[in-house]
Protein backbone atom coordinates (compact mmCIF):
# COMPACT_ATOMS: atom_id res chain seq x y z
CA UNK A 1 0.00 0.00 0.00
CA UNK A 2 1.27 3.42 -0.88
CA UNK A 3 0.49 5.84 1.93
CA UNK A 4 -1.54 7.91 2.22
CA UNK A 5 -4.73 6.65 0.60
CA UNK A 6 -7.55 9.13 -0.08
CA UNK A 7 -10.88 7.91 -1.47
CA UNK A 8 -14.15 9.80 -1.94
CA UNK A 9 -17.48 7.95 -2.16
CA UNK A 10 -20.94 9.15 -3.19
CA UNK A 11 -22.84 5.85 -3.27
CA UNK A 12 -24.06 3.35 -0.69
CA UNK A 13 -22.71 -0.14 -0.13
CA UNK A 14 -19.53 -1.86 0.98
CA UNK A 15 -16.76 -0.06 -0.86
CA UNK A 16 -13.72 -1.82 -2.32
CA UNK A 17 -11.28 -3.04 0.34
CA UNK A 18 -8.06 -1.09 0.73
CA UNK A 19 -5.11 -3.42 1.39
CA UNK A 20 -2.60 -2.55 4.10
CA UNK A 21 0.99 -3.67 4.61
CA UNK A 22 0.38 -6.22 7.36
CA UNK A 23 4.07 -7.21 7.32
CA UNK A 24 5.08 -3.81 8.72
CA UNK A 25 6.76 -3.99 12.14
CA UNK A 26 5.53 -2.42 14.26
CA UNK A 27 2.17 -2.26 12.55
CA UNK A 28 0.20 0.97 12.79
CA UNK A 29 -2.45 2.56 10.63
CA UNK A 30 -4.81 5.49 11.11
CA UNK A 31 -8.25 5.61 9.49
CA UNK A 32 -10.28 8.78 9.01
CA UNK A 33 -13.84 9.26 7.75
CA UNK A 34 -15.08 12.75 6.95
CA UNK A 35 -18.66 13.48 5.91
CA UNK A 36 -18.54 16.26 3.35
CA UNK A 37 -21.43 18.43 2.15
CA UNK A 38 -24.33 16.37 3.47
CA UNK A 39 -25.09 13.46 5.75
CA UNK A 40 -24.08 9.83 5.84
CA UNK A 41 -24.47 6.67 7.87
CA UNK A 42 -21.59 4.22 7.64
CA UNK A 43 -19.37 1.71 9.39
CA UNK A 44 -15.69 0.88 8.98
CA UNK A 45 -14.62 -2.76 8.82
CA UNK A 46 -11.32 -4.64 8.79
CA UNK A 47 -10.25 -8.18 7.95
CA UNK A 48 -7.38 -10.58 8.54
CA UNK A 49 -8.25 -12.49 5.35
CA UNK A 50 -6.96 -11.90 1.83
CA UNK A 51 -9.42 -9.92 -0.28
CA UNK A 52 -8.14 -11.02 -3.69
CA UNK A 53 -8.58 -14.79 -3.46
CA UNK A 54 -11.45 -16.55 -5.20
CA UNK A 55 -11.23 -19.45 -2.72
CA UNK A 56 -11.48 -17.35 0.48
CA UNK A 57 -14.41 -15.22 1.58
CA UNK A 58 -13.09 -12.47 3.85
CA UNK A 59 -14.59 -12.23 7.33
CA UNK A 60 -15.19 -8.56 8.14
CA UNK A 61 -15.14 -7.13 11.67
CA UNK A 62 -16.73 -3.85 12.69
CA UNK A 63 -14.36 -1.18 13.99
CA UNK A 64 -15.47 -0.44 17.58
CA UNK A 65 -14.79 3.29 17.08
CA UNK A 66 -16.83 3.51 13.86
CA UNK A 67 -19.44 0.71 13.92
CA UNK A 68 -22.38 0.39 11.53
CA UNK A 69 -24.72 3.33 12.04
CA UNK A 70 -22.01 5.95 12.65
CA UNK A 71 -23.37 9.30 11.45
CA UNK A 72 -20.52 11.73 12.21
CA UNK A 73 -16.97 12.20 10.99
CA UNK A 74 -14.63 10.00 13.03
CA UNK A 75 -11.18 8.45 13.32
CA UNK A 76 -9.67 5.18 14.50
CA UNK A 77 -6.35 3.38 14.47
CA UNK A 78 -5.00 -0.14 14.35
CA UNK A 79 -1.99 -1.17 16.41
CA UNK A 80 -2.43 -4.80 15.34
CA UNK A 81 -1.95 -6.15 11.80
CA UNK A 82 -4.95 -6.16 9.49
CA UNK A 83 -4.93 -7.07 5.81
CA UNK A 84 -7.53 -4.59 4.56
CA UNK A 85 -10.08 -1.99 5.61
CA UNK A 86 -13.24 -0.74 3.96
CA UNK A 87 -16.12 1.62 4.61
CA UNK A 88 -19.68 0.34 4.31
CA UNK A 89 -22.09 3.21 3.61
CA UNK A 90 -25.80 2.67 4.31
CA UNK A 91 -27.11 6.18 3.55
CA UNK A 92 -25.51 9.21 1.93
CA UNK A 93 -26.14 12.72 0.65
CA UNK A 94 -23.01 14.60 -0.34
CA UNK A 95 -19.82 12.53 -0.06
CA UNK A 96 -17.71 10.50 2.34
CA UNK A 97 -13.94 10.93 2.39
CA UNK A 98 -12.05 7.80 3.52
CA UNK A 99 -8.39 8.38 4.38
CA UNK A 100 -5.76 5.91 5.55
CA UNK A 101 -2.26 6.67 6.79
CA UNK A 102 0.15 3.85 7.51
CA UNK A 103 3.62 4.32 8.92
CA UNK A 104 6.66 2.95 7.13
PDB file of N, CA and C in Angstrom:
ATOM      1  N   UNK A   1       0.836  -1.173   0.000  1.00  0.00           N
ATOM      2  CA  UNK A   1       0.000   0.000   0.000  1.00  0.00           C
ATOM      3  C   UNK A   1       0.880   1.234   0.000  1.00  0.00           C
ATOM      4  N   UNK A   2       0.591   2.123  -0.884  1.00  0.00           N
ATOM      5  CA  UNK A   2       1.273   3.419  -0.875  1.00  0.00           C
ATOM      6  C   UNK A   2       0.491   4.353   0.035  1.00  0.00           C
ATOM      7  N   UNK A   3       1.172   4.947   0.976  1.00  0.00           N
ATOM      8  CA  UNK A   3       0.489   5.835   1.926  1.00  0.00           C
ATOM      9  C   UNK A   3       0.708   7.268   1.502  1.00  0.00           C
ATOM     10  N   UNK A   4      -0.187   8.150   1.707  1.00  0.00           N
ATOM     11  CA  UNK A   4      -1.539   7.906   2.221  1.00  0.00           C
ATOM     12  C   UNK A   4      -2.512   7.530   1.114  1.00  0.00           C
ATOM     13  N   UNK A   5      -3.654   7.001   1.521  1.00  0.00           N
ATOM     14  CA  UNK A   5      -4.735   6.654   0.596  1.00  0.00           C
ATOM     15  C   UNK A   5      -5.880   7.621   0.859  1.00  0.00           C
ATOM     16  N   UNK A   6      -6.398   8.244  -0.189  1.00  0.00           N
ATOM     17  CA  UNK A   6      -7.555   9.133  -0.084  1.00  0.00           C
ATOM     18  C   UNK A   6      -8.599   8.670  -1.092  1.00  0.00           C
ATOM     19  N   UNK A   7      -9.777   8.306  -0.606  1.00  0.00           N
ATOM     20  CA  UNK A   7     -10.881   7.910  -1.474  1.00  0.00           C
ATOM     21  C   UNK A   7     -12.092   8.771  -1.138  1.00  0.00           C
ATOM     22  N   UNK A   8     -12.906   9.078  -2.144  1.00  0.00           N
ATOM     23  CA  UNK A   8     -14.153   9.796  -1.942  1.00  0.00           C
ATOM     24  C   UNK A   8     -15.285   8.970  -2.529  1.00  0.00           C
ATOM     25  N   UNK A   9     -16.345   8.782  -1.747  1.00  0.00           N
ATOM     26  CA  UNK A   9     -17.480   7.953  -2.161  1.00  0.00           C
ATOM     27  C   UNK A   9     -18.760   8.770  -2.153  1.00  0.00           C
ATOM     28  N   UNK A  10     -19.643   8.472  -3.108  1.00  0.00           N
ATOM     29  CA  UNK A  10     -20.936   9.151  -3.193  1.00  0.00           C
ATOM     30  C   UNK A  10     -22.091   8.159  -3.304  1.00  0.00           C
ATOM     31  N   UNK A  11     -21.807   6.865  -3.152  1.00  0.00           N
ATOM     32  CA  UNK A  11     -22.845   5.847  -3.269  1.00  0.00           C
ATOM     33  C   UNK A  11     -22.833   4.943  -2.036  1.00  0.00           C
ATOM     34  N   UNK A  12     -23.944   4.262  -1.827  1.00  0.00           N
ATOM     35  CA  UNK A  12     -24.056   3.346  -0.694  1.00  0.00           C
ATOM     36  C   UNK A  12     -23.420   1.995  -1.023  1.00  0.00           C
ATOM     37  N   UNK A  13     -23.225   1.205   0.015  1.00  0.00           N
ATOM     38  CA  UNK A  13     -22.714  -0.142  -0.135  1.00  0.00           C
ATOM     39  C   UNK A  13     -21.326  -0.307   0.465  1.00  0.00           C
ATOM     40  N   UNK A  14     -20.891  -1.557   0.519  1.00  0.00           N
ATOM     41  CA  UNK A  14     -19.532  -1.865   0.981  1.00  0.00           C
ATOM     42  C   UNK A  14     -18.573  -1.475  -0.136  1.00  0.00           C
ATOM     43  N   UNK A  15     -17.703  -0.541   0.145  1.00  0.00           N
ATOM     44  CA  UNK A  15     -16.757  -0.058  -0.860  1.00  0.00           C
ATOM     45  C   UNK A  15     -15.602  -1.048  -1.009  1.00  0.00           C
ATOM     46  N   UNK A  16     -14.833  -0.910  -2.074  1.00  0.00           N
ATOM     47  CA  UNK A  16     -13.717  -1.816  -2.322  1.00  0.00           C
ATOM     48  C   UNK A  16     -12.741  -1.796  -1.146  1.00  0.00           C
ATOM     49  N   UNK A  17     -12.261  -2.980  -0.747  1.00  0.00           N
ATOM     50  CA  UNK A  17     -11.281  -3.038   0.337  1.00  0.00           C
ATOM     51  C   UNK A  17      -9.979  -2.337  -0.048  1.00  0.00           C
ATOM     52  N   UNK A  18      -9.354  -1.721   0.932  1.00  0.00           N
ATOM     53  CA  UNK A  18      -8.056  -1.089   0.730  1.00  0.00           C
ATOM     54  C   UNK A  18      -7.022  -1.924   1.472  1.00  0.00           C
ATOM     55  N   UNK A  19      -6.102  -2.551   0.741  1.00  0.00           N
ATOM     56  CA  UNK A  19      -5.105  -3.415   1.390  1.00  0.00           C
ATOM     57  C   UNK A  19      -4.079  -2.600   2.171  1.00  0.00           C
ATOM     58  N   UNK A  20      -3.631  -3.166   3.284  1.00  0.00           N
ATOM     59  CA  UNK A  20      -2.600  -2.551   4.100  1.00  0.00           C
ATOM     60  C   UNK A  20      -1.374  -3.453   4.127  1.00  0.00           C
ATOM     61  N   UNK A  21      -0.243  -2.901   4.501  1.00  0.00           N
ATOM     62  CA  UNK A  21       0.992  -3.675   4.615  1.00  0.00           C
ATOM     63  C   UNK A  21       1.028  -4.337   5.987  1.00  0.00           C
ATOM     64  N   UNK A  22       0.461  -5.533   6.064  1.00  0.00           N
ATOM     65  CA  UNK A  22       0.376  -6.215   7.358  1.00  0.00           C
ATOM     66  C   UNK A  22       1.710  -6.813   7.791  1.00  0.00           C
ATOM     67  N   UNK A  23       2.726  -6.756   6.946  1.00  0.00           N
ATOM     68  CA  UNK A  23       4.072  -7.211   7.319  1.00  0.00           C
ATOM     69  C   UNK A  23       4.853  -6.141   8.092  1.00  0.00           C
ATOM     70  N   UNK A  24       4.372  -4.920   8.073  1.00  0.00           N
ATOM     71  CA  UNK A  24       5.077  -3.814   8.720  1.00  0.00           C
ATOM     72  C   UNK A  24       5.263  -4.083  10.213  1.00  0.00           C
ATOM     73  N   UNK A  25       6.461  -3.804  10.719  1.00  0.00           N
ATOM     74  CA  UNK A  25       6.758  -3.988  12.143  1.00  0.00           C
ATOM     75  C   UNK A  25       7.395  -2.731  12.692  1.00  0.00           C
ATOM     76  N   UNK A  26       6.853  -2.097  13.707  1.00  0.00           N
ATOM     77  CA  UNK A  26       5.535  -2.420  14.264  1.00  0.00           C
ATOM     78  C   UNK A  26       4.431  -1.949  13.325  1.00  0.00           C
ATOM     79  N   UNK A  27       3.301  -2.620  13.400  1.00  0.00           N
ATOM     80  CA  UNK A  27       2.169  -2.264  12.549  1.00  0.00           C
ATOM     81  C   UNK A  27       1.441  -1.080  13.173  1.00  0.00           C
ATOM     82  N   UNK A  28       1.075  -0.120  12.358  1.00  0.00           N
ATOM     83  CA  UNK A  28       0.205   0.967  12.794  1.00  0.00           C
ATOM     84  C   UNK A  28      -0.438   1.601  11.569  1.00  0.00           C
ATOM     85  N   UNK A  29      -1.709   1.910  11.711  1.00  0.00           N
ATOM     86  CA  UNK A  29      -2.451   2.559  10.633  1.00  0.00           C
ATOM     87  C   UNK A  29      -3.541   3.422  11.248  1.00  0.00           C
ATOM     88  N   UNK A  30      -3.742   4.595  10.679  1.00  0.00           N
ATOM     89  CA  UNK A  30      -4.807   5.493  11.106  1.00  0.00           C
ATOM     90  C   UNK A  30      -5.857   5.561  10.005  1.00  0.00           C
ATOM     91  N   UNK A  31      -7.124   5.583  10.416  1.00  0.00           N
ATOM     92  CA  UNK A  31      -8.247   5.612   9.486  1.00  0.00           C
ATOM     93  C   UNK A  31      -9.117   6.813   9.838  1.00  0.00           C
ATOM     94  N   UNK A  32      -9.483   7.577   8.817  1.00  0.00           N
ATOM     95  CA  UNK A  32     -10.282   8.778   9.006  1.00  0.00           C
ATOM     96  C   UNK A  32     -11.487   8.732   8.070  1.00  0.00           C
ATOM     97  N   UNK A  33     -12.646   9.112   8.578  1.00  0.00           N
ATOM     98  CA  UNK A  33     -13.842   9.259   7.747  1.00  0.00           C
ATOM     99  C   UNK A  33     -14.380  10.657   7.976  1.00  0.00           C
ATOM    100  N   UNK A  34     -14.565  11.383   6.884  1.00  0.00           N
ATOM    101  CA  UNK A  34     -15.082  12.745   6.950  1.00  0.00           C
ATOM    102  C   UNK A  34     -16.323  12.836   6.072  1.00  0.00           C
ATOM    103  N   UNK A  35     -17.428  13.270   6.664  1.00  0.00           N
ATOM    104  CA  UNK A  35     -18.663  13.477   5.910  1.00  0.00           C
ATOM    105  C   UNK A  35     -18.633  14.893   5.356  1.00  0.00           C
ATOM    106  N   UNK A  36     -18.739  14.981   4.032  1.00  0.00           N
ATOM    107  CA  UNK A  36     -18.544  16.261   3.351  1.00  0.00           C
ATOM    108  C   UNK A  36     -19.809  16.676   2.598  1.00  0.00           C
ATOM    109  N   UNK A  37     -20.337  17.848   2.923  1.00  0.00           N
ATOM    110  CA  UNK A  37     -21.426  18.428   2.146  1.00  0.00           C
ATOM    111  C   UNK A  37     -22.740  17.693   2.218  1.00  0.00           C
ATOM    112  N   UNK A  38     -23.069  17.079   3.332  1.00  0.00           N
ATOM    113  CA  UNK A  38     -24.333  16.374   3.469  1.00  0.00           C
ATOM    114  C   UNK A  38     -24.346  15.525   4.719  1.00  0.00           C
ATOM    115  N   UNK A  39     -25.019  14.391   4.634  1.00  0.00           N
ATOM    116  CA  UNK A  39     -25.093  13.461   5.752  1.00  0.00           C
ATOM    117  C   UNK A  39     -24.752  12.063   5.258  1.00  0.00           C
ATOM    118  N   UNK A  40     -24.368  11.215   6.186  1.00  0.00           N
ATOM    119  CA  UNK A  40     -24.079   9.826   5.836  1.00  0.00           C
ATOM    120  C   UNK A  40     -24.187   8.953   7.076  1.00  0.00           C
ATOM    121  N   UNK A  41     -24.499   7.706   6.845  1.00  0.00           N
ATOM    122  CA  UNK A  41     -24.467   6.673   7.875  1.00  0.00           C
ATOM    123  C   UNK A  41     -23.565   5.578   7.331  1.00  0.00           C
ATOM    124  N   UNK A  42     -22.602   5.146   8.136  1.00  0.00           N
ATOM    125  CA  UNK A  42     -21.594   4.220   7.641  1.00  0.00           C
ATOM    126  C   UNK A  42     -21.015   3.398   8.795  1.00  0.00           C
ATOM    127  N   UNK A  43     -20.181   2.461   8.444  1.00  0.00           N
ATOM    128  CA  UNK A  43     -19.365   1.714   9.395  1.00  0.00           C
ATOM    129  C   UNK A  43     -18.052   1.383   8.717  1.00  0.00           C
ATOM    130  N   UNK A  44     -16.995   1.280   9.508  1.00  0.00           N
ATOM    131  CA  UNK A  44     -15.692   0.879   8.979  1.00  0.00           C
ATOM    132  C   UNK A  44     -15.439  -0.551   9.433  1.00  0.00           C
ATOM    133  N   UNK A  45     -14.887  -1.354   8.535  1.00  0.00           N
ATOM    134  CA  UNK A  45     -14.621  -2.762   8.817  1.00  0.00           C
ATOM    135  C   UNK A  45     -13.189  -3.108   8.443  1.00  0.00           C
ATOM    136  N   UNK A  46     -12.661  -4.154   9.103  1.00  0.00           N
ATOM    137  CA  UNK A  46     -11.322  -4.640   8.794  1.00  0.00           C
ATOM    138  C   UNK A  46     -11.351  -6.160   8.729  1.00  0.00           C
ATOM    139  N   UNK A  47     -10.324  -6.739   8.080  1.00  0.00           N
ATOM    140  CA  UNK A  47     -10.250  -8.184   7.945  1.00  0.00           C
ATOM    141  C   UNK A  47      -8.806  -8.663   8.077  1.00  0.00           C
ATOM    142  N   UNK A  48      -8.674  -9.906   8.498  1.00  0.00           N
ATOM    143  CA  UNK A  48      -7.375 -10.583   8.538  1.00  0.00           C
ATOM    144  C   UNK A  48      -7.209 -11.496   7.326  1.00  0.00           C
ATOM    145  N   UNK A  49      -8.249 -11.583   6.506  1.00  0.00           N
ATOM    146  CA  UNK A  49      -8.252 -12.486   5.350  1.00  0.00           C
ATOM    147  C   UNK A  49      -7.817 -11.766   4.079  1.00  0.00           C
ATOM    148  N   UNK A  50      -7.272 -12.510   3.125  1.00  0.00           N
ATOM    149  CA  UNK A  50      -6.956 -11.900   1.831  1.00  0.00           C
ATOM    150  C   UNK A  50      -8.252 -11.499   1.117  1.00  0.00           C
ATOM    151  N   UNK A  51      -8.216 -10.399   0.413  1.00  0.00           N
ATOM    152  CA  UNK A  51      -9.416  -9.920  -0.275  1.00  0.00           C
ATOM    153  C   UNK A  51      -9.361 -10.168  -1.775  1.00  0.00           C
ATOM    154  N   UNK A  52      -8.299 -10.794  -2.251  1.00  0.00           N
ATOM    155  CA  UNK A  52      -8.144 -11.015  -3.693  1.00  0.00           C
ATOM    156  C   UNK A  52      -8.061 -12.492  -4.051  1.00  0.00           C
ATOM    157  N   UNK A  53      -8.613 -13.356  -3.210  1.00  0.00           N
ATOM    158  CA  UNK A  53      -8.582 -14.794  -3.460  1.00  0.00           C
ATOM    159  C   UNK A  53      -9.992 -15.296  -3.751  1.00  0.00           C
ATOM    160  N   UNK A  54     -10.142 -16.006  -4.844  1.00  0.00           N
ATOM    161  CA  UNK A  54     -11.449 -16.546  -5.203  1.00  0.00           C
ATOM    162  C   UNK A  54     -11.871 -17.687  -4.267  1.00  0.00           C
ATOM    163  N   UNK A  55     -10.912 -18.298  -3.571  1.00  0.00           N
ATOM    164  CA  UNK A  55     -11.228 -19.447  -2.716  1.00  0.00           C
ATOM    165  C   UNK A  55     -11.478 -19.075  -1.258  1.00  0.00           C
ATOM    166  N   UNK A  56     -11.306 -17.794  -0.900  1.00  0.00           N
ATOM    167  CA  UNK A  56     -11.481 -17.354   0.484  1.00  0.00           C
ATOM    168  C   UNK A  56     -12.466 -16.190   0.522  1.00  0.00           C
ATOM    169  N   UNK A  57     -13.485 -16.321   1.351  1.00  0.00           N
ATOM    170  CA  UNK A  57     -14.412 -15.224   1.575  1.00  0.00           C
ATOM    171  C   UNK A  57     -13.955 -14.475   2.819  1.00  0.00           C
ATOM    172  N   UNK A  58     -13.575 -13.216   2.681  1.00  0.00           N
ATOM    173  CA  UNK A  58     -13.093 -12.472   3.852  1.00  0.00           C
ATOM    174  C   UNK A  58     -14.160 -12.344   4.939  1.00  0.00           C
ATOM    175  N   UNK A  59     -13.732 -12.469   6.175  1.00  0.00           N
ATOM    176  CA  UNK A  59     -14.593 -12.229   7.331  1.00  0.00           C
ATOM    177  C   UNK A  59     -14.317 -10.800   7.799  1.00  0.00           C
ATOM    178  N   UNK A  60     -15.336  -9.977   7.802  1.00  0.00           N
ATOM    179  CA  UNK A  60     -15.191  -8.565   8.143  1.00  0.00           C
ATOM    180  C   UNK A  60     -15.621  -8.324   9.582  1.00  0.00           C
ATOM    181  N   UNK A  61     -14.854  -7.501  10.291  1.00  0.00           N
ATOM    182  CA  UNK A  61     -15.136  -7.130  11.675  1.00  0.00           C
ATOM    183  C   UNK A  61     -15.409  -5.634  11.734  1.00  0.00           C
ATOM    184  N   UNK A  62     -16.411  -5.262  12.528  1.00  0.00           N
ATOM    185  CA  UNK A  62     -16.728  -3.846  12.689  1.00  0.00           C
ATOM    186  C   UNK A  62     -15.699  -3.169  13.586  1.00  0.00           C
ATOM    187  N   UNK A  63     -15.251  -1.999  13.169  1.00  0.00           N
ATOM    188  CA  UNK A  63     -14.364  -1.177  13.990  1.00  0.00           C
ATOM    189  C   UNK A  63     -15.188  -0.646  15.165  1.00  0.00           C
ATOM    190  N   UNK A  64     -14.729  -0.868  16.387  1.00  0.00           N
ATOM    191  CA  UNK A  64     -15.471  -0.441  17.576  1.00  0.00           C
ATOM    192  C   UNK A  64     -15.616   1.066  17.665  1.00  0.00           C
ATOM    193  N   UNK A  65     -14.712   1.832  17.058  1.00  0.00           N
ATOM    194  CA  UNK A  65     -14.788   3.287  17.078  1.00  0.00           C
ATOM    195  C   UNK A  65     -15.704   3.861  16.002  1.00  0.00           C
ATOM    196  N   UNK A  66     -15.971   3.066  14.952  1.00  0.00           N
ATOM    197  CA  UNK A  66     -16.833   3.508  13.855  1.00  0.00           C
ATOM    198  C   UNK A  66     -17.706   2.335  13.400  1.00  0.00           C
ATOM    199  N   UNK A  67     -18.604   1.854  14.279  1.00  0.00           N
ATOM    200  CA  UNK A  67     -19.444   0.708  13.916  1.00  0.00           C
ATOM    201  C   UNK A  67     -20.542   1.107  12.935  1.00  0.00           C
ATOM    202  N   UNK A  68     -21.244   0.118  12.411  1.00  0.00           N
ATOM    203  CA  UNK A  68     -22.381   0.393  11.529  1.00  0.00           C
ATOM    204  C   UNK A  68     -23.329   1.360  12.226  1.00  0.00           C
ATOM    205  N   UNK A  69     -23.813   2.342  11.487  1.00  0.00           N
ATOM    206  CA  UNK A  69     -24.719   3.332  12.039  1.00  0.00           C
ATOM    207  C   UNK A  69     -24.050   4.628  12.465  1.00  0.00           C
ATOM    208  N   UNK A  70     -22.722   4.709  12.316  1.00  0.00           N
ATOM    209  CA  UNK A  70     -22.013   5.948  12.648  1.00  0.00           C
ATOM    210  C   UNK A  70     -22.505   7.046  11.705  1.00  0.00           C
ATOM    211  N   UNK A  71     -22.804   8.221  12.256  1.00  0.00           N
ATOM    212  CA  UNK A  71     -23.372   9.300  11.446  1.00  0.00           C
ATOM    213  C   UNK A  71     -22.587  10.599  11.567  1.00  0.00           C
ATOM    214  N   UNK A  72     -21.362  10.534  12.077  1.00  0.00           N
ATOM    215  CA  UNK A  72     -20.522  11.730  12.211  1.00  0.00           C
ATOM    216  C   UNK A  72     -19.122  11.398  11.723  1.00  0.00           C
ATOM    217  N   UNK A  73     -18.371  12.405  11.352  1.00  0.00           N
ATOM    218  CA  UNK A  73     -16.971  12.199  10.989  1.00  0.00           C
ATOM    219  C   UNK A  73     -16.246  11.592  12.190  1.00  0.00           C
ATOM    220  N   UNK A  74     -15.293  10.696  11.932  1.00  0.00           N
ATOM    221  CA  UNK A  74     -14.628   9.996  13.033  1.00  0.00           C
ATOM    222  C   UNK A  74     -13.259   9.487  12.593  1.00  0.00           C
ATOM    223  N   UNK A  75     -12.500   9.014  13.582  1.00  0.00           N
ATOM    224  CA  UNK A  75     -11.179   8.447  13.317  1.00  0.00           C
ATOM    225  C   UNK A  75     -10.949   7.228  14.192  1.00  0.00           C
ATOM    226  N   UNK A  76     -10.044   6.373  13.742  1.00  0.00           N
ATOM    227  CA  UNK A  76      -9.669   5.183  14.495  1.00  0.00           C
ATOM    228  C   UNK A  76      -8.238   4.830  14.133  1.00  0.00           C
ATOM    229  N   UNK A  77      -7.686   3.852  14.829  1.00  0.00           N
ATOM    230  CA  UNK A  77      -6.347   3.381  14.471  1.00  0.00           C
ATOM    231  C   UNK A  77      -6.217   1.916  14.816  1.00  0.00           C
ATOM    232  N   UNK A  78      -5.269   1.286  14.147  1.00  0.00           N
ATOM    233  CA  UNK A  78      -5.001  -0.135  14.354  1.00  0.00           C
ATOM    234  C   UNK A  78      -3.549  -0.296  14.759  1.00  0.00           C
ATOM    235  N   UNK A  79      -3.336  -0.888  15.914  1.00  0.00           N
ATOM    236  CA  UNK A  79      -1.991  -1.167  16.415  1.00  0.00           C
ATOM    237  C   UNK A  79      -1.701  -2.666  16.304  1.00  0.00           C
ATOM    238  N   UNK A  80      -2.572  -3.370  15.601  1.00  0.00           N
ATOM    239  CA  UNK A  80      -2.428  -4.797  15.341  1.00  0.00           C
ATOM    240  C   UNK A  80      -2.580  -4.997  13.835  1.00  0.00           C
ATOM    241  N   UNK A  81      -1.898  -5.976  13.266  1.00  0.00           N
ATOM    242  CA  UNK A  81      -1.947  -6.150  11.805  1.00  0.00           C
ATOM    243  C   UNK A  81      -3.342  -6.503  11.302  1.00  0.00           C
ATOM    244  N   UNK A  82      -3.747  -5.828  10.248  1.00  0.00           N
ATOM    245  CA  UNK A  82      -4.955  -6.159   9.487  1.00  0.00           C
ATOM    246  C   UNK A  82      -4.574  -6.156   8.008  1.00  0.00           C
ATOM    247  N   UNK A  83      -5.263  -6.964   7.237  1.00  0.00           N
ATOM    248  CA  UNK A  83      -4.925  -7.066   5.808  1.00  0.00           C
ATOM    249  C   UNK A  83      -5.582  -5.991   4.966  1.00  0.00           C
ATOM    250  N   UNK A  84      -6.806  -5.583   5.363  1.00  0.00           N
ATOM    251  CA  UNK A  84      -7.526  -4.588   4.563  1.00  0.00           C
ATOM    252  C   UNK A  84      -8.586  -3.911   5.417  1.00  0.00           C
ATOM    253  N   UNK A  85      -8.977  -2.722   4.989  1.00  0.00           N
ATOM    254  CA  UNK A  85     -10.080  -1.989   5.609  1.00  0.00           C
ATOM    255  C   UNK A  85     -11.024  -1.529   4.506  1.00  0.00           C
ATOM    256  N   UNK A  86     -12.253  -1.270   4.901  1.00  0.00           N
ATOM    257  CA  UNK A  86     -13.236  -0.735   3.959  1.00  0.00           C
ATOM    258  C   UNK A  86     -14.277   0.060   4.730  1.00  0.00           C
ATOM    259  N   UNK A  87     -14.992   0.894   4.027  1.00  0.00           N
ATOM    260  CA  UNK A  87     -16.116   1.616   4.607  1.00  0.00           C
ATOM    261  C   UNK A  87     -17.385   1.066   3.965  1.00  0.00           C
ATOM    262  N   UNK A  88     -18.403   0.862   4.783  1.00  0.00           N
ATOM    263  CA  UNK A  88     -19.682   0.342   4.315  1.00  0.00           C
ATOM    264  C   UNK A  88     -20.722   1.430   4.582  1.00  0.00           C
ATOM    265  N   UNK A  89     -21.200   2.055   3.512  1.00  0.00           N
ATOM    266  CA  UNK A  89     -22.090   3.208   3.613  1.00  0.00           C
ATOM    267  C   UNK A  89     -23.533   2.752   3.418  1.00  0.00           C
ATOM    268  N   UNK A  90     -24.395   3.081   4.393  1.00  0.00           N
ATOM    269  CA  UNK A  90     -25.796   2.670   4.306  1.00  0.00           C
ATOM    270  C   UNK A  90     -26.724   3.788   3.849  1.00  0.00           C
ATOM    271  N   UNK A  91     -26.317   5.037   4.028  1.00  0.00           N
ATOM    272  CA  UNK A  91     -27.113   6.180   3.548  1.00  0.00           C
ATOM    273  C   UNK A  91     -26.153   7.332   3.298  1.00  0.00           C
ATOM    274  N   UNK A  92     -26.436   8.116   2.245  1.00  0.00           N
ATOM    275  CA  UNK A  92     -25.513   9.214   1.933  1.00  0.00           C
ATOM    276  C   UNK A  92     -26.202  10.306   1.123  1.00  0.00           C
ATOM    277  N   UNK A  93     -25.913  11.550   1.499  1.00  0.00           N
ATOM    278  CA  UNK A  93     -26.139  12.719   0.652  1.00  0.00           C
ATOM    279  C   UNK A  93     -24.819  13.477   0.729  1.00  0.00           C
ATOM    280  N   UNK A  94     -24.342  13.995  -0.337  1.00  0.00           N
ATOM    281  CA  UNK A  94     -23.006  14.598  -0.342  1.00  0.00           C
ATOM    282  C   UNK A  94     -21.969  13.513  -0.605  1.00  0.00           C
ATOM    283  N   UNK A  95     -20.881  13.527   0.166  1.00  0.00           N
ATOM    284  CA  UNK A  95     -19.823  12.528  -0.056  1.00  0.00           C
ATOM    285  C   UNK A  95     -19.175  12.126   1.260  1.00  0.00           C
ATOM    286  N   UNK A  96     -18.482  11.000   1.208  1.00  0.00           N
ATOM    287  CA  UNK A  96     -17.714  10.495   2.340  1.00  0.00           C
ATOM    288  C   UNK A  96     -16.263  10.397   1.900  1.00  0.00           C
ATOM    289  N   UNK A  97     -15.377  11.033   2.651  1.00  0.00           N
ATOM    290  CA  UNK A  97     -13.939  10.926   2.394  1.00  0.00           C
ATOM    291  C   UNK A  97     -13.378   9.867   3.337  1.00  0.00           C
ATOM    292  N   UNK A  98     -12.661   8.908   2.778  1.00  0.00           N
ATOM    293  CA  UNK A  98     -12.052   7.804   3.523  1.00  0.00           C
ATOM    294  C   UNK A  98     -10.547   7.934   3.344  1.00  0.00           C
ATOM    295  N   UNK A  99      -9.826   8.138   4.449  1.00  0.00           N
ATOM    296  CA  UNK A  99      -8.388   8.376   4.381  1.00  0.00           C
ATOM    297  C   UNK A  99      -7.666   7.389   5.290  1.00  0.00           C
ATOM    298  N   UNK A 100      -6.545   6.874   4.788  1.00  0.00           N
ATOM    299  CA  UNK A 100      -5.760   5.914   5.551  1.00  0.00           C
ATOM    300  C   UNK A 100      -4.304   6.336   5.499  1.00  0.00           C
ATOM    301  N   UNK A 101      -3.690   6.401   6.668  1.00  0.00           N
ATOM    302  CA  UNK A 101      -2.264   6.670   6.790  1.00  0.00           C
ATOM    303  C   UNK A 101      -1.637   5.484   7.494  1.00  0.00           C
ATOM    304  N   UNK A 102      -0.565   4.956   6.896  1.00  0.00           N
ATOM    305  CA  UNK A 102       0.151   3.855   7.508  1.00  0.00           C
ATOM    306  C   UNK A 102       1.626   4.212   7.579  1.00  0.00           C
ATOM    307  N   UNK A 103       2.201   4.031   8.747  1.00  0.00           N
ATOM    308  CA  UNK A 103       3.620   4.322   8.921  1.00  0.00           C
ATOM    309  C   UNK A 103       4.480   3.398   8.089  1.00  0.00           C
ATOM    310  N   UNK A 104       5.729   3.780   7.914  1.00  0.00           N
ATOM    311  CA  UNK A 104       6.657   2.949   7.130  1.00  0.00           C
ATOM    312  C   UNK A 104       7.783   2.465   8.008  1.00  0.00           C
TER     313      UNK A 104
END
